[in-house]
N, C-alpha and C. Protein backbone atom coordinates (compact mmCIF):
# COMPACT_ATOMS: atom_id res chain seq x y z
N MET A 1 -195.18 56.81 -18.35
CA MET A 1 -195.68 57.92 -19.25
C MET A 1 -197.04 57.38 -19.84
N LYS A 2 -198.00 58.21 -20.14
CA LYS A 2 -199.16 58.13 -20.54
C LYS A 2 -199.21 58.90 -21.65
N ALA A 3 -199.97 58.47 -22.94
CA ALA A 3 -200.02 59.02 -24.13
C ALA A 3 -201.42 59.14 -24.46
N VAL A 4 -202.28 60.25 -24.66
CA VAL A 4 -203.51 60.30 -25.20
C VAL A 4 -203.84 61.13 -26.28
N TYR A 5 -204.43 60.83 -27.28
CA TYR A 5 -204.62 61.73 -28.34
C TYR A 5 -205.97 61.92 -28.64
N HIS A 6 -206.25 62.92 -28.44
CA HIS A 6 -208.00 63.22 -28.91
C HIS A 6 -208.13 63.87 -30.21
N PRO A 7 -208.56 62.88 -31.35
CA PRO A 7 -208.87 63.23 -32.56
C PRO A 7 -209.66 64.48 -33.24
N GLN A 8 -210.87 64.44 -32.54
CA GLN A 8 -211.62 65.39 -32.62
C GLN A 8 -211.45 66.71 -32.22
N ASP A 9 -210.18 67.04 -31.63
CA ASP A 9 -209.60 68.30 -31.25
C ASP A 9 -208.28 68.16 -32.04
N ASP A 10 -207.68 67.10 -32.33
CA ASP A 10 -206.28 67.18 -32.62
C ASP A 10 -205.02 67.63 -31.68
N ILE A 11 -205.41 67.21 -30.28
CA ILE A 11 -204.62 67.46 -29.04
C ILE A 11 -204.09 65.94 -28.91
N LEU A 12 -202.55 66.35 -28.59
CA LEU A 12 -201.95 65.11 -27.85
C LEU A 12 -201.51 65.49 -26.52
N VAL A 13 -201.60 64.69 -25.44
CA VAL A 13 -201.43 64.96 -24.16
C VAL A 13 -200.48 63.69 -23.68
N LEU A 14 -199.09 64.24 -23.09
CA LEU A 14 -198.26 63.28 -22.70
C LEU A 14 -198.05 63.77 -21.32
N HIS A 15 -198.45 62.59 -20.47
CA HIS A 15 -198.61 62.62 -18.97
C HIS A 15 -197.27 61.88 -18.30
N PHE A 16 -196.35 62.58 -17.62
CA PHE A 16 -194.85 61.96 -17.35
C PHE A 16 -195.24 61.39 -15.98
N SER A 17 -195.88 62.31 -14.97
CA SER A 17 -195.90 62.12 -13.66
C SER A 17 -197.18 62.26 -13.02
N ASP A 18 -197.43 61.57 -11.66
CA ASP A 18 -198.55 61.81 -10.96
C ASP A 18 -198.68 63.17 -9.91
N LYS A 19 -197.23 63.96 -10.05
CA LYS A 19 -197.07 64.78 -8.96
C LYS A 19 -197.98 66.06 -9.25
N PRO A 20 -198.35 66.87 -8.43
CA PRO A 20 -199.03 67.81 -8.31
C PRO A 20 -198.71 68.94 -9.44
N ILE A 21 -199.28 69.77 -10.24
CA ILE A 21 -198.64 70.77 -10.82
C ILE A 21 -198.94 72.05 -10.25
N VAL A 22 -197.81 72.68 -10.27
CA VAL A 22 -197.67 74.02 -9.51
C VAL A 22 -197.54 75.15 -10.55
N ARG A 23 -196.92 74.86 -11.59
CA ARG A 23 -196.64 75.98 -12.78
C ARG A 23 -196.80 75.48 -14.27
N GLU A 24 -197.63 76.19 -15.01
CA GLU A 24 -197.70 75.86 -16.56
C GLU A 24 -197.23 76.95 -17.39
N THR A 25 -196.49 76.86 -18.37
CA THR A 25 -195.97 77.60 -19.39
C THR A 25 -196.21 77.19 -20.80
N SER A 26 -196.23 78.16 -21.49
CA SER A 26 -196.49 78.09 -23.05
C SER A 26 -195.07 78.05 -23.76
N GLN A 27 -194.73 77.02 -24.48
CA GLN A 27 -193.55 76.94 -25.11
C GLN A 27 -193.41 77.67 -26.72
N ASP A 28 -194.67 77.42 -27.12
CA ASP A 28 -195.14 78.19 -28.22
C ASP A 28 -196.65 78.16 -28.60
N TRP A 29 -197.26 78.79 -29.79
CA TRP A 29 -198.65 78.66 -29.41
C TRP A 29 -199.33 77.43 -29.45
N ASN A 30 -198.64 76.30 -29.71
CA ASN A 30 -199.37 75.12 -29.54
C ASN A 30 -198.74 74.01 -28.54
N VAL A 31 -197.88 74.31 -27.66
CA VAL A 31 -197.11 73.44 -26.78
C VAL A 31 -197.17 74.12 -25.45
N ASN A 32 -197.62 73.30 -24.46
CA ASN A 32 -197.59 73.82 -23.06
C ASN A 32 -197.34 72.62 -22.28
N LEU A 33 -196.51 73.15 -21.25
CA LEU A 33 -195.94 72.36 -20.05
C LEU A 33 -196.46 72.70 -19.03
N SER A 34 -196.56 71.41 -18.33
CA SER A 34 -196.70 71.51 -16.74
C SER A 34 -195.70 70.87 -16.07
N TYR A 35 -195.66 71.79 -14.70
CA TYR A 35 -194.51 71.57 -14.09
C TYR A 35 -194.74 71.13 -12.56
N ALA A 36 -194.00 70.29 -12.03
CA ALA A 36 -194.09 69.81 -10.65
C ALA A 36 -193.27 70.71 -9.69
N ASP A 37 -193.60 70.79 -8.42
CA ASP A 37 -192.73 71.76 -7.45
C ASP A 37 -191.29 71.48 -7.65
N ASP A 38 -190.88 70.29 -7.96
CA ASP A 38 -189.37 70.08 -7.97
C ASP A 38 -188.92 70.81 -9.52
N GLY A 39 -189.46 71.13 -10.54
CA GLY A 39 -189.20 71.33 -11.63
C GLY A 39 -189.41 70.52 -12.64
N THR A 40 -189.64 69.28 -12.34
CA THR A 40 -189.84 68.38 -13.33
C THR A 40 -191.10 68.59 -14.24
N VAL A 41 -191.02 68.12 -15.39
CA VAL A 41 -192.26 68.23 -16.05
C VAL A 41 -193.29 67.07 -15.96
N VAL A 42 -194.51 67.61 -15.76
CA VAL A 42 -195.81 66.64 -15.32
C VAL A 42 -196.44 66.21 -16.54
N GLU A 43 -196.47 67.24 -17.46
CA GLU A 43 -197.46 66.83 -18.59
C GLU A 43 -196.97 67.97 -19.62
N MET A 44 -197.31 67.32 -21.08
CA MET A 44 -197.06 67.96 -22.19
C MET A 44 -198.53 68.16 -23.14
N VAL A 45 -199.08 69.29 -23.25
CA VAL A 45 -200.09 69.21 -24.27
C VAL A 45 -199.84 69.75 -25.50
N ILE A 46 -200.06 69.15 -26.69
CA ILE A 46 -199.60 69.57 -27.96
C ILE A 46 -201.28 69.97 -28.79
N LEU A 47 -201.18 71.16 -29.13
CA LEU A 47 -202.32 71.08 -29.79
C LEU A 47 -201.94 71.15 -31.25
N ASP A 48 -203.07 70.77 -32.10
CA ASP A 48 -202.96 70.67 -33.35
C ASP A 48 -201.52 69.71 -33.70
N ALA A 49 -201.51 68.80 -33.08
CA ALA A 49 -200.20 67.57 -33.13
C ALA A 49 -200.22 67.12 -34.41
N VAL A 50 -201.35 66.77 -35.15
CA VAL A 50 -201.17 66.14 -36.58
C VAL A 50 -200.99 67.20 -37.57
N ALA A 51 -201.79 68.19 -37.14
CA ALA A 51 -201.77 69.51 -38.28
C ALA A 51 -200.18 70.05 -38.57
N SER A 52 -199.68 69.90 -37.45
CA SER A 52 -198.20 70.47 -37.12
C SER A 52 -197.08 69.32 -37.39
N GLY A 53 -197.37 68.04 -37.74
CA GLY A 53 -196.48 67.25 -38.24
C GLY A 53 -195.93 66.36 -37.17
N LEU A 54 -196.41 66.72 -35.75
CA LEU A 54 -195.40 66.07 -34.55
C LEU A 54 -195.77 64.73 -34.49
N ILE A 55 -197.26 64.52 -35.04
CA ILE A 55 -197.65 62.85 -35.03
C ILE A 55 -197.89 62.49 -36.29
N PRO A 56 -197.66 61.20 -36.98
CA PRO A 56 -198.20 60.74 -38.09
C PRO A 56 -199.80 60.86 -38.43
N PHE A 57 -200.02 61.02 -39.40
CA PHE A 57 -201.57 61.12 -39.74
C PHE A 57 -201.78 59.89 -40.52
N HIS A 58 -202.78 59.42 -40.22
CA HIS A 58 -203.16 57.71 -41.07
C HIS A 58 -204.54 57.99 -41.66
N ALA A 59 -204.82 57.45 -42.78
CA ALA A 59 -205.87 57.49 -43.71
C ALA A 59 -207.19 57.06 -42.63
N GLY A 60 -206.88 56.15 -41.88
CA GLY A 60 -208.16 56.03 -41.18
C GLY A 60 -208.71 56.83 -39.92
N ASP A 61 -207.83 57.90 -39.87
CA ASP A 61 -208.20 59.10 -39.06
C ASP A 61 -208.98 60.14 -39.96
N ALA A 62 -209.03 59.95 -41.14
CA ALA A 62 -209.64 61.10 -41.48
C ALA A 62 -211.07 61.18 -41.30
N GLY A 63 -211.84 60.32 -40.92
CA GLY A 63 -213.17 60.57 -40.74
C GLY A 63 -213.49 60.76 -39.31
N ARG A 64 -212.41 61.23 -38.47
CA ARG A 64 -212.53 61.64 -37.10
C ARG A 64 -212.05 63.11 -37.14
N ARG A 65 -211.44 63.51 -37.97
CA ARG A 65 -211.36 64.77 -37.89
C ARG A 65 -211.85 65.73 -38.87
N ALA A 66 -212.51 66.98 -38.59
CA ALA A 66 -212.99 67.81 -39.49
C ALA A 66 -212.16 68.53 -40.54
N ALA A 67 -212.54 68.78 -41.53
CA ALA A 67 -211.35 69.54 -42.47
C ALA A 67 -211.53 70.88 -42.13
């Protein structure tokens, strides 16, 4: 698994597999899942990850996010 956080956009990407993506769905307004042909989750994208409380906010990150 690989996790990448983009602080300038407050987006967290969790990449679980290198399988080709064949289908994408929205679970909520800020959570999108990508699936492989066999139904396994390949990737999860979470918008507003810090703002929605899904990952902790650190004071050192304050300068990297627009208010």
